[in-house]
Amino acid sequence: MNNTEIIYLLLASIIWFAGYFHTGRFVRPRWKVPGKFIFYMGLSYALVHWFGHWGLLFIIAHPIIGLIFHIRVCKENQIDWMTCEPKEKYLKLQEKWAKGDFGK
């Protein structure tokens, strides 16, 4: 593992934890959180290792696309995207999606 890979993985973990502290606290069931982190870091490492600087596209684009999607969905469902309030409504929406129901 070279210095560039280490720096990119540090960046990936910082971005992941920033996202976690925003909406990750609502992930249900709780056991999914470590799995999501390991998968994201593993994929980030593989892409950086195989494609070098191009792997940085995934590290940056994946969370940005997720944030844009999060903002859009929250606004469509009258949920404050910054605070995820009302919390009950946000959790109900997540539960609905976990069952594969993406309709309104």
PDB file of N, CA and C in Angstrom:
ATOM      1  N   MET A   1       0.853  -1.168   0.000  1.00  0.00           N
ATOM      2  CA  MET A   1       0.000   0.000   0.000  1.00  0.00           C
ATOM      3  C   MET A   1       0.905   1.239   0.000  1.00  0.00           C
ATOM      4  N   ASN A   2       0.736   2.100  -0.986  1.00  0.00           N
ATOM      5  CA  ASN A   2       1.584   3.289  -1.061  1.00  0.00           C
ATOM      6  C   ASN A   2       0.908   4.490  -0.387  1.00  0.00           C
ATOM      7  N   ASN A   3       1.634   5.606  -0.331  1.00  0.00           N
ATOM      8  CA  ASN A   3       1.131   6.795   0.368  1.00  0.00           C
ATOM      9  C   ASN A   3      -0.151   7.349  -0.246  1.00  0.00           C
ATOM     10  N   THR A   4      -0.249   7.318  -1.560  1.00  0.00           N
ATOM     11  CA  THR A   4      -1.450   7.827  -2.230  1.00  0.00           C
ATOM     12  C   THR A   4      -2.667   7.011  -1.833  1.00  0.00           C
ATOM     13  N   GLU A   5      -2.525   5.694  -1.803  1.00  0.00           N
ATOM     14  CA  GLU A   5      -3.642   4.837  -1.410  1.00  0.00           C
ATOM     15  C   GLU A   5      -4.055   5.110   0.024  1.00  0.00           C
ATOM     16  N   ILE A   6      -3.103   5.305   0.902  1.00  0.00           N
ATOM     17  CA  ILE A   6      -3.406   5.589   2.313  1.00  0.00           C
ATOM     18  C   ILE A   6      -4.151   6.915   2.440  1.00  0.00           C
ATOM     19  N   ILE A   7      -3.680   7.932   1.736  1.00  0.00           N
ATOM     20  CA  ILE A   7      -4.345   9.242   1.789  1.00  0.00           C
ATOM     21  C   ILE A   7      -5.765   9.153   1.258  1.00  0.00           C
ATOM     22  N   TYR A   8      -5.965   8.445   0.149  1.00  0.00           N
ATOM     23  CA  TYR A   8      -7.301   8.309  -0.424  1.00  0.00           C
ATOM     24  C   TYR A   8      -8.223   7.512   0.500  1.00  0.00           C
ATOM     25  N   LEU A   9      -7.687   6.496   1.163  1.00  0.00           N
ATOM     26  CA  LEU A   9      -8.517   5.735   2.099  1.00  0.00           C
ATOM     27  C   LEU A   9      -8.858   6.562   3.335  1.00  0.00           C
ATOM     28  N   LEU A  10      -7.942   7.396   3.773  1.00  0.00           N
ATOM     29  CA  LEU A  10      -8.254   8.317   4.871  1.00  0.00           C
ATOM     30  C   LEU A  10      -9.370   9.272   4.460  1.00  0.00           C
ATOM     31  N   LEU A  11      -9.278   9.802   3.253  1.00  0.00           N
ATOM     32  CA  LEU A  11     -10.320  10.681   2.734  1.00  0.00           C
ATOM     33  C   LEU A  11     -11.659   9.943   2.654  1.00  0.00           C
ATOM     34  N   ALA A  12     -11.628   8.702   2.167  1.00  0.00           N
ATOM     35  CA  ALA A  12     -12.854   7.904   2.068  1.00  0.00           C
ATOM     36  C   ALA A  12     -13.462   7.676   3.444  1.00  0.00           C
ATOM     37  N   SER A  13     -12.646   7.391   4.449  1.00  0.00           N
ATOM     38  CA  SER A  13     -13.193   7.150   5.787  1.00  0.00           C
ATOM     39  C   SER A  13     -13.749   8.434   6.397  1.00  0.00           C
ATOM     40  N   ILE A  14     -13.095   9.568   6.159  1.00  0.00           N
ATOM     41  CA  ILE A  14     -13.613  10.845   6.661  1.00  0.00           C
ATOM     42  C   ILE A  14     -14.967  11.155   6.026  1.00  0.00           C
ATOM     43  N   ILE A  15     -15.066  10.967   4.711  1.00  0.00           N
ATOM     44  CA  ILE A  15     -16.331  11.205   4.016  1.00  0.00           C
ATOM     45  C   ILE A  15     -17.405  10.252   4.528  1.00  0.00           C
ATOM     46  N   TRP A  16     -17.068   8.984   4.713  1.00  0.00           N
ATOM     47  CA  TRP A  16     -18.046   7.997   5.178  1.00  0.00           C
ATOM     48  C   TRP A  16     -18.555   8.369   6.564  1.00  0.00           C
ATOM     49  N   PHE A  17     -17.647   8.712   7.471  1.00  0.00           N
ATOM     50  CA  PHE A  17     -18.073   9.064   8.828  1.00  0.00           C
ATOM     51  C   PHE A  17     -18.885  10.354   8.850  1.00  0.00           C
ATOM     52  N   ALA A  18     -18.570  11.311   7.986  1.00  0.00           N
ATOM     53  CA  ALA A  18     -19.382  12.528   7.905  1.00  0.00           C
ATOM     54  C   ALA A  18     -20.811  12.177   7.492  1.00  0.00           C
ATOM     55  N   GLY A  19     -20.947  11.294   6.516  1.00  0.00           N
ATOM     56  CA  GLY A  19     -22.273  10.841   6.103  1.00  0.00           C
ATOM     57  C   GLY A  19     -22.966  10.047   7.196  1.00  0.00           C
ATOM     58  N   TYR A  20     -22.195   9.229   7.904  1.00  0.00           N
ATOM     59  CA  TYR A  20     -22.785   8.433   8.982  1.00  0.00           C
ATOM     60  C   TYR A  20     -23.347   9.327  10.073  1.00  0.00           C
ATOM     61  N   PHE A  21     -22.603  10.332  10.459  1.00  0.00           N
ATOM     62  CA  PHE A  21     -23.077  11.194  11.544  1.00  0.00           C
ATOM     63  C   PHE A  21     -24.238  12.067  11.108  1.00  0.00           C
ATOM     64  N   HIS A  22     -24.450  12.182   9.796  1.00  0.00           N
ATOM     65  CA  HIS A  22     -25.617  12.930   9.328  1.00  0.00           C
ATOM     66  C   HIS A  22     -26.860  12.041   9.294  1.00  0.00           C
ATOM     67  N   THR A  23     -26.825  10.949   8.544  1.00  0.00           N
ATOM     68  CA  THR A  23     -28.020  10.094   8.434  1.00  0.00           C
ATOM     69  C   THR A  23     -27.761   8.657   8.853  1.00  0.00           C
ATOM     70  N   GLY A  24     -26.524   8.267   9.020  1.00  0.00           N
ATOM     71  CA  GLY A  24     -26.219   6.872   9.345  1.00  0.00           C
ATOM     72  C   GLY A  24     -26.748   6.432  10.688  1.00  0.00           C
ATOM     73  N   ARG A  25     -26.972   7.381  11.568  1.00  0.00           N
ATOM     74  CA  ARG A  25     -27.491   7.027  12.889  1.00  0.00           C
ATOM     75  C   ARG A  25     -28.898   6.445  12.807  1.00  0.00           C
ATOM     76  N   PHE A  26     -29.558   6.625  11.652  1.00  0.00           N
ATOM     77  CA  PHE A  26     -30.907   6.109  11.476  1.00  0.00           C
ATOM     78  C   PHE A  26     -30.924   4.739  10.795  1.00  0.00           C
ATOM     79  N   VAL A  27     -29.767   4.207  10.437  1.00  0.00           N
ATOM     80  CA  VAL A  27     -29.711   2.922   9.734  1.00  0.00           C
ATOM     81  C   VAL A  27     -30.259   1.828  10.646  1.00  0.00           C
ATOM     82  N   ARG A  28     -31.175   1.082  10.117  1.00  0.00           N
ATOM     83  CA  ARG A  28     -31.770  -0.032  10.850  1.00  0.00           C
ATOM     84  C   ARG A  28     -31.666  -1.273   9.991  1.00  0.00           C
ATOM     85  N   PRO A  29     -31.350  -2.409  10.490  1.00  0.00           N
ATOM     86  CA  PRO A  29     -30.853  -2.697  11.837  1.00  0.00           C
ATOM     87  C   PRO A  29     -29.414  -2.214  12.017  1.00  0.00           C
ATOM     88  N   ARG A  30     -29.007  -2.025  13.250  1.00  0.00           N
ATOM     89  CA  ARG A  30     -27.713  -1.434  13.585  1.00  0.00           C
ATOM     90  C   ARG A  30     -26.522  -2.262  13.077  1.00  0.00           C
ATOM     91  N   TRP A  31     -26.705  -3.570  12.932  1.00  0.00           N
ATOM     92  CA  TRP A  31     -25.589  -4.414  12.502  1.00  0.00           C
ATOM     93  C   TRP A  31     -25.158  -4.114  11.070  1.00  0.00           C
ATOM     94  N   LYS A  32     -25.972  -3.388  10.309  1.00  0.00           N
ATOM     95  CA  LYS A  32     -25.603  -3.064   8.933  1.00  0.00           C
ATOM     96  C   LYS A  32     -24.493  -2.019   8.853  1.00  0.00           C
ATOM     97  N   VAL A  33     -24.345  -1.202   9.890  1.00  0.00           N
ATOM     98  CA  VAL A  33     -23.389  -0.094   9.842  1.00  0.00           C
ATOM     99  C   VAL A  33     -21.955  -0.575   9.608  1.00  0.00           C
ATOM    100  N   PRO A  34     -21.417  -1.522  10.400  1.00  0.00           N
ATOM    101  CA  PRO A  34     -20.042  -1.961  10.136  1.00  0.00           C
ATOM    102  C   PRO A  34     -19.885  -2.608   8.762  1.00  0.00           C
ATOM    103  N   GLY A  35     -20.888  -3.328   8.324  1.00  0.00           N
ATOM    104  CA  GLY A  35     -20.832  -3.960   7.010  1.00  0.00           C
ATOM    105  C   GLY A  35     -20.777  -2.942   5.891  1.00  0.00           C
ATOM    106  N   LYS A  36     -21.554  -1.883   6.013  1.00  0.00           N
ATOM    107  CA  LYS A  36     -21.536  -0.825   5.002  1.00  0.00           C
ATOM    108  C   LYS A  36     -20.177  -0.135   4.977  1.00  0.00           C
ATOM    109  N   PHE A  37     -19.594   0.090   6.149  1.00  0.00           N
ATOM    110  CA  PHE A  37     -18.272   0.731   6.221  1.00  0.00           C
ATOM    111  C   PHE A  37     -17.209  -0.157   5.574  1.00  0.00           C
ATOM    112  N   ILE A  38     -17.209  -1.427   5.915  1.00  0.00           N
ATOM    113  CA  ILE A  38     -16.219  -2.361   5.376  1.00  0.00           C
ATOM    114  C   ILE A  38     -16.367  -2.476   3.857  1.00  0.00           C
ATOM    115  N   PHE A  39     -17.595  -2.562   3.375  1.00  0.00           N
ATOM    116  CA  PHE A  39     -17.823  -2.661   1.938  1.00  0.00           C
ATOM    117  C   PHE A  39     -17.338  -1.403   1.219  1.00  0.00           C
ATOM    118  N   TYR A  40     -17.694  -0.225   1.744  1.00  0.00           N
ATOM    119  CA  TYR A  40     -17.294   1.044   1.112  1.00  0.00           C
ATOM    120  C   TYR A  40     -15.779   1.194   1.100  1.00  0.00           C
ATOM    121  N   MET A  41     -15.134   0.872   2.212  1.00  0.00           N
ATOM    122  CA  MET A  41     -13.681   1.004   2.283  1.00  0.00           C
ATOM    123  C   MET A  41     -12.999  -0.034   1.390  1.00  0.00           C
ATOM    124  N   GLY A  42     -13.523  -1.245   1.369  1.00  0.00           N
ATOM    125  CA  GLY A  42     -12.952  -2.285   0.516  1.00  0.00           C
ATOM    126  C   GLY A  42     -13.051  -1.938  -0.954  1.00  0.00           C
ATOM    127  N   LEU A  43     -14.216  -1.461  -1.366  1.00  0.00           N
ATOM    128  CA  LEU A  43     -14.397  -1.068  -2.760  1.00  0.00           C
ATOM    129  C   LEU A  43     -13.529   0.143  -3.093  1.00  0.00           C
ATOM    130  N   SER A  44     -13.457   1.089  -2.170  1.00  0.00           N
ATOM    131  CA  SER A  44     -12.600   2.269  -2.388  1.00  0.00           C
ATOM    132  C   SER A  44     -11.144   1.845  -2.559  1.00  0.00           C
ATOM    133  N   TYR A  45     -10.686   0.946  -1.692  1.00  0.00           N
ATOM    134  CA  TYR A  45      -9.301   0.488  -1.789  1.00  0.00           C
ATOM    135  C   TYR A  45      -9.046  -0.224  -3.120  1.00  0.00           C
ATOM    136  N   ALA A  46      -9.958  -1.102  -3.490  1.00  0.00           N
ATOM    137  CA  ALA A  46      -9.774  -1.855  -4.735  1.00  0.00           C
ATOM    138  C   ALA A  46      -9.709  -0.912  -5.934  1.00  0.00           C
ATOM    139  N   LEU A  47     -10.595   0.072  -5.986  1.00  0.00           N
ATOM    140  CA  LEU A  47     -10.600   1.001  -7.117  1.00  0.00           C
ATOM    141  C   LEU A  47      -9.343   1.862  -7.154  1.00  0.00           C
ATOM    142  N   VAL A  48      -8.903   2.334  -5.990  1.00  0.00           N
ATOM    143  CA  VAL A  48      -7.679   3.142  -5.941  1.00  0.00           C
ATOM    144  C   VAL A  48      -6.467   2.281  -6.299  1.00  0.00           C
ATOM    145  N   HIS A  49      -6.457   1.059  -5.812  1.00  0.00           N
ATOM    146  CA  HIS A  49      -5.334   0.162  -6.092  1.00  0.00           C
ATOM    147  C   HIS A  49      -5.243  -0.173  -7.578  1.00  0.00           C
ATOM    148  N   TRP A  50      -6.381  -0.485  -8.200  1.00  0.00           N
ATOM    149  CA  TRP A  50      -6.390  -0.883  -9.604  1.00  0.00           C
ATOM    150  C   TRP A  50      -6.326   0.284 -10.573  1.00  0.00           C
ATOM    151  N   PHE A  51      -7.001   1.387 -10.235  1.00  0.00           N
ATOM    152  CA  PHE A  51      -7.123   2.488 -11.188  1.00  0.00           C
ATOM    153  C   PHE A  51      -6.418   3.773 -10.745  1.00  0.00           C
ATOM    154  N   GLY A  52      -5.721   3.726  -9.633  1.00  0.00           N
ATOM    155  CA  GLY A  52      -4.972   4.893  -9.167  1.00  0.00           C
ATOM    156  C   GLY A  52      -5.874   6.068  -8.855  1.00  0.00           C
ATOM    157  N   HIS A  53      -5.507   7.233  -9.375  1.00  0.00           N
ATOM    158  CA  HIS A  53      -6.251   8.460  -9.077  1.00  0.00           C
ATOM    159  C   HIS A  53      -7.697   8.407  -9.558  1.00  0.00           C
ATOM    160  N   TRP A  54      -7.986   7.594 -10.553  1.00  0.00           N
ATOM    161  CA  TRP A  54      -9.366   7.478 -11.041  1.00  0.00           C
ATOM    162  C   TRP A  54     -10.288   6.888  -9.979  1.00  0.00           C
ATOM    163  N   GLY A  55      -9.750   6.117  -9.051  1.00  0.00           N
ATOM    164  CA  GLY A  55     -10.559   5.572  -7.961  1.00  0.00           C
ATOM    165  C   GLY A  55     -11.128   6.653  -7.067  1.00  0.00           C
ATOM    166  N   LEU A  56     -10.482   7.813  -7.085  1.00  0.00           N
ATOM    167  CA  LEU A  56     -10.963   8.944  -6.301  1.00  0.00           C
ATOM    168  C   LEU A  56     -12.342   9.405  -6.781  1.00  0.00           C
ATOM    169  N   LEU A  57     -12.647   9.162  -8.040  1.00  0.00           N
ATOM    170  CA  LEU A  57     -13.985   9.506  -8.557  1.00  0.00           C
ATOM    171  C   LEU A  57     -15.079   8.809  -7.755  1.00  0.00           C
ATOM    172  N   PHE A  58     -14.893   7.532  -7.467  1.00  0.00           N
ATOM    173  CA  PHE A  58     -15.882   6.807  -6.675  1.00  0.00           C
ATOM    174  C   PHE A  58     -15.958   7.369  -5.265  1.00  0.00           C
ATOM    175  N   ILE A  59     -14.794   7.601  -4.669  1.00  0.00           N
ATOM    176  CA  ILE A  59     -14.746   8.069  -3.279  1.00  0.00           C
ATOM    177  C   ILE A  59     -15.500   9.388  -3.121  1.00  0.00           C
ATOM    178  N   ILE A  60     -15.419  10.250  -4.117  1.00  0.00           N
ATOM    179  CA  ILE A  60     -16.083  11.553  -4.032  1.00  0.00           C
ATOM    180  C   ILE A  60     -17.495  11.522  -4.631  1.00  0.00           C
ATOM    181  N   ALA A  61     -17.663  10.890  -5.783  1.00  0.00           N
ATOM    182  CA  ALA A  61     -18.956  10.916  -6.475  1.00  0.00           C
ATOM    183  C   ALA A  61     -20.039  10.115  -5.745  1.00  0.00           C
ATOM    184  N   HIS A  62     -19.690   8.982  -5.174  1.00  0.00           N
ATOM    185  CA  HIS A  62     -20.681   8.149  -4.501  1.00  0.00           C
ATOM    186  C   HIS A  62     -21.407   8.903  -3.390  1.00  0.00           C
ATOM    187  N   PRO A  63     -20.694   9.544  -2.452  1.00  0.00           N
ATOM    188  CA  PRO A  63     -21.405  10.294  -1.413  1.00  0.00           C
ATOM    189  C   PRO A  63     -22.145  11.525  -1.937  1.00  0.00           C
ATOM    190  N   ILE A  64     -21.607  12.180  -2.963  1.00  0.00           N
ATOM    191  CA  ILE A  64     -22.290  13.356  -3.507  1.00  0.00           C
ATOM    192  C   ILE A  64     -23.618  12.950  -4.148  1.00  0.00           C
ATOM    193  N   ILE A  65     -23.597  11.876  -4.900  1.00  0.00           N
ATOM    194  CA  ILE A  65     -24.843  11.373  -5.510  1.00  0.00           C
ATOM    195  C   ILE A  65     -25.824  10.973  -4.416  1.00  0.00           C
ATOM    196  N   GLY A  66     -25.325  10.314  -3.373  1.00  0.00           N
ATOM    197  CA  GLY A  66     -26.184   9.937  -2.249  1.00  0.00           C
ATOM    198  C   GLY A  66     -26.786  11.149  -1.558  1.00  0.00           C
ATOM    199  N   LEU A  67     -26.001  12.215  -1.382  1.00  0.00           N
ATOM    200  CA  LEU A  67     -26.501  13.429  -0.739  1.00  0.00           C
ATOM    201  C   LEU A  67     -27.567  14.099  -1.592  1.00  0.00           C
ATOM    202  N   ILE A  68     -27.327  14.181  -2.893  1.00  0.00           N
ATOM    203  CA  ILE A  68     -28.323  14.779  -3.796  1.00  0.00           C
ATOM    204  C   ILE A  68     -29.624  13.982  -3.732  1.00  0.00           C
ATOM    205  N   PHE A  69     -29.517  12.670  -3.776  1.00  0.00           N
ATOM    206  CA  PHE A  69     -30.693  11.803  -3.695  1.00  0.00           C
ATOM    207  C   PHE A  69     -31.400  11.998  -2.356  1.00  0.00           C
ATOM    208  N   HIS A  70     -30.641  12.062  -1.257  1.00  0.00           N
ATOM    209  CA  HIS A  70     -31.197  12.247   0.082  1.00  0.00           C
ATOM    210  C   HIS A  70     -31.979  13.564   0.155  1.00  0.00           C
ATOM    211  N   ILE A  71     -31.395  14.639  -0.345  1.00  0.00           N
ATOM    212  CA  ILE A  71     -32.058  15.946  -0.313  1.00  0.00           C
ATOM    213  C   ILE A  71     -33.355  15.909  -1.101  1.00  0.00           C
ATOM    214  N   ARG A  72     -33.305  15.325  -2.301  1.00  0.00           N
ATOM    215  CA  ARG A  72     -34.490  15.259  -3.152  1.00  0.00           C
ATOM    216  C   ARG A  72     -35.624  14.467  -2.505  1.00  0.00           C
ATOM    217  N   VAL A  73     -35.286  13.304  -1.977  1.00  0.00           N
ATOM    218  CA  VAL A  73     -36.300  12.442  -1.369  1.00  0.00           C
ATOM    219  C   VAL A  73     -36.883  13.102  -0.117  1.00  0.00           C
ATOM    220  N   CYS A  74     -36.027  13.713   0.689  1.00  0.00           N
ATOM    221  CA  CYS A  74     -36.526  14.378   1.902  1.00  0.00           C
ATOM    222  C   CYS A  74     -37.471  15.521   1.544  1.00  0.00           C
ATOM    223  N   LYS A  75     -37.117  16.313   0.553  1.00  0.00           N
ATOM    224  CA  LYS A  75     -37.982  17.432   0.153  1.00  0.00           C
ATOM    225  C   LYS A  75     -39.314  16.931  -0.392  1.00  0.00           C
ATOM    226  N   GLU A  76     -39.289  15.833  -1.155  1.00  0.00           N
ATOM    227  CA  GLU A  76     -40.535  15.270  -1.690  1.00  0.00           C
ATOM    228  C   GLU A  76     -41.447  14.760  -0.587  1.00  0.00           C
ATOM    229  N   ASN A  77     -40.875  14.373   0.539  1.00  0.00           N
ATOM    230  CA  ASN A  77     -41.654  13.803   1.639  1.00  0.00           C
ATOM    231  C   ASN A  77     -41.790  14.749   2.830  1.00  0.00           C
ATOM    232  N   GLN A  78     -41.542  16.033   2.598  1.00  0.00           N
ATOM    233  CA  GLN A  78     -41.653  17.062   3.628  1.00  0.00           C
ATOM    234  C   GLN A  78     -40.848  16.720   4.893  1.00  0.00           C
ATOM    235  N   ILE A  79     -39.601  16.333   4.678  1.00  0.00           N
ATOM    236  CA  ILE A  79     -38.673  16.029   5.771  1.00  0.00           C
ATOM    237  C   ILE A  79     -37.506  16.994   5.640  1.00  0.00           C
ATOM    238  N   ASP A  80     -37.075  17.563   6.757  1.00  0.00           N
ATOM    239  CA  ASP A  80     -35.917  18.459   6.732  1.00  0.00           C
ATOM    240  C   ASP A  80     -34.683  17.608   6.476  1.00  0.00           C
ATOM    241  N   TRP A  81     -34.019  17.858   5.351  1.00  0.00           N
ATOM    242  CA  TRP A  81     -32.895  17.005   4.962  1.00  0.00           C
ATOM    243  C   TRP A  81     -31.693  17.173   5.877  1.00  0.00           C
ATOM    244  N   MET A  82     -31.556  18.302   6.539  1.00  0.00           N
ATOM    245  CA  MET A  82     -30.411  18.523   7.430  1.00  0.00           C
ATOM    246  C   MET A  82     -30.573  17.781   8.759  1.00  0.00           C
ATOM    247  N   THR A  83     -31.773  17.824   9.313  1.00  0.00           N
ATOM    248  CA  THR A  83     -31.995  17.224  10.636  1.00  0.00           C
ATOM    249  C   THR A  83     -32.736  15.892  10.573  1.00  0.00           C
ATOM    250  N   CYS A  84     -33.273  15.558   9.403  1.00  0.00           N
ATOM    251  CA  CYS A  84     -34.083  14.345   9.204  1.00  0.00           C
ATOM    252  C   CYS A  84     -35.311  14.359  10.120  1.00  0.00           C
ATOM    253  N   GLU A  85     -35.840  15.548  10.359  1.00  0.00           N
ATOM    254  CA  GLU A  85     -37.042  15.705  11.184  1.00  0.00           C
ATOM    255  C   GLU A  85     -38.249  15.918  10.280  1.00  0.00           C
ATOM    256  N   PRO A  86     -39.386  15.388  10.584  1.00  0.00           N
ATOM    257  CA  PRO A  86     -39.699  14.588  11.755  1.00  0.00           C
ATOM    258  C   PRO A  86     -39.075  13.192  11.663  1.00  0.00           C
ATOM    259  N   LYS A  87     -38.444  12.810  12.738  1.00  0.00           N
ATOM    260  CA  LYS A  87     -37.691  11.556  12.800  1.00  0.00           C
ATOM    261  C   LYS A  87     -38.571  10.352  12.482  1.00  0.00           C
ATOM    262  N   GLU A  88     -39.777  10.348  13.010  1.00  0.00           N
ATOM    263  CA  GLU A  88     -40.685   9.209  12.801  1.00  0.00           C
ATOM    264  C   GLU A  88     -41.002   9.042  11.310  1.00  0.00           C
ATOM    265  N   LYS A  89     -41.222  10.171  10.648  1.00  0.00           N
ATOM    266  CA  LYS A  89     -41.534  10.128   9.220  1.00  0.00           C
ATOM    267  C   LYS A  89     -40.332   9.613   8.423  1.00  0.00           C
ATOM    268  N   TYR A  90     -39.128  10.044   8.805  1.00  0.00           N
ATOM    269  CA  TYR A  90     -37.908   9.605   8.125  1.00  0.00           C
ATOM    270  C   TYR A  90     -37.696   8.106   8.320  1.00  0.00           C
ATOM    271  N   LEU A  91     -37.879   7.626   9.544  1.00  0.00           N
ATOM    272  CA  LEU A  91     -37.706   6.197   9.821  1.00  0.00           C
ATOM    273  C   LEU A  91     -38.752   5.368   9.089  1.00  0.00           C
ATOM    274  N   LYS A  92     -39.974   5.871   9.009  1.00  0.00           N
ATOM    275  CA  LYS A  92     -41.036   5.157   8.293  1.00  0.00           C
ATOM    276  C   LYS A  92     -40.695   5.060   6.800  1.00  0.00           C
ATOM    277  N   LEU A  93     -40.155   6.141   6.246  1.00  0.00           N
ATOM    278  CA  LEU A  93     -39.744   6.140   4.841  1.00  0.00           C
ATOM    279  C   LEU A  93     -38.625   5.130   4.614  1.00  0.00           C
ATOM    280  N   GLN A  94     -37.654   5.076   5.508  1.00  0.00           N
ATOM    281  CA  GLN A  94     -36.563   4.103   5.389  1.00  0.00           C
ATOM    282  C   GLN A  94     -37.088   2.675   5.469  1.00  0.00           C
ATOM    283  N   GLU A  95     -38.018   2.442   6.381  1.00  0.00           N
ATOM    284  CA  GLU A  95     -38.588   1.100   6.542  1.00  0.00           C
ATOM    285  C   GLU A  95     -39.331   0.688   5.273  1.00  0.00           C
ATOM    286  N   LYS A  96     -40.055   1.619   4.691  1.00  0.00           N
ATOM    287  CA  LYS A  96     -40.783   1.359   3.442  1.00  0.00           C
ATOM    288  C   LYS A  96     -39.805   0.984   2.324  1.00  0.00           C
ATOM    289  N   TRP A  97     -38.706   1.704   2.233  1.00  0.00           N
ATOM    290  CA  TRP A  97     -37.711   1.429   1.210  1.00  0.00           C
ATOM    291  C   TRP A  97     -37.024   0.094   1.438  1.00  0.00           C
ATOM    292  N   ALA A  98     -36.795  -0.264   2.702  1.00  0.00           N
ATOM    293  CA  ALA A  98     -36.150  -1.546   3.007  1.00  0.00           C
ATOM    294  C   ALA A  98     -36.993  -2.710   2.502  1.00  0.00           C
ATOM    295  N   LYS A  99     -38.300  -2.501   2.406  1.00  0.00           N
ATOM    296  CA  LYS A  99     -39.204  -3.535   1.910  1.00  0.00           C
ATOM    297  C   LYS A  99     -39.313  -3.496   0.390  1.00  0.00           C
ATOM    298  N   GLY A 100     -38.606  -2.552  -0.248  1.00  0.00           N
ATOM    299  CA  GLY A 100     -38.621  -2.479  -1.707  1.00  0.00           C
ATOM    300  C   GLY A 100     -39.718  -1.603  -2.270  1.00  0.00           C
ATOM    301  N   ASP A 101     -40.412  -0.864  -1.422  1.00  0.00           N
ATOM    302  CA  ASP A 101     -41.496   0.011  -1.870  1.00  0.00           C
ATOM    303  C   ASP A 101     -40.928   1.410  -2.097  1.00  0.00           C
ATOM    304  N   PHE A 102     -40.671   1.773  -3.358  1.00  0.00           N
ATOM    305  CA  PHE A 102     -40.084   3.080  -3.673  1.00  0.00           C
ATOM    306  C   PHE A 102     -41.125   4.052  -4.207  1.00  0.00           C
ATOM    307  N   GLY A 103     -42.395   3.668  -4.192  1.00  0.00           N
ATOM    308  CA  GLY A 103     -43.458   4.567  -4.654  1.00  0.00           C
ATOM    309  C   GLY A 103     -43.787   5.605  -3.596  1.00  0.00           C
ATOM    310  N   LYS A 104     -44.630   6.528  -3.984  1.00  0.00           N
ATOM    311  CA  LYS A 104     -45.030   7.600  -3.067  1.00  0.00           C
ATOM    312  C   LYS A 104     -46.086   7.148  -2.117  1.00  0.00           C
TER     313      LYS A 104
END
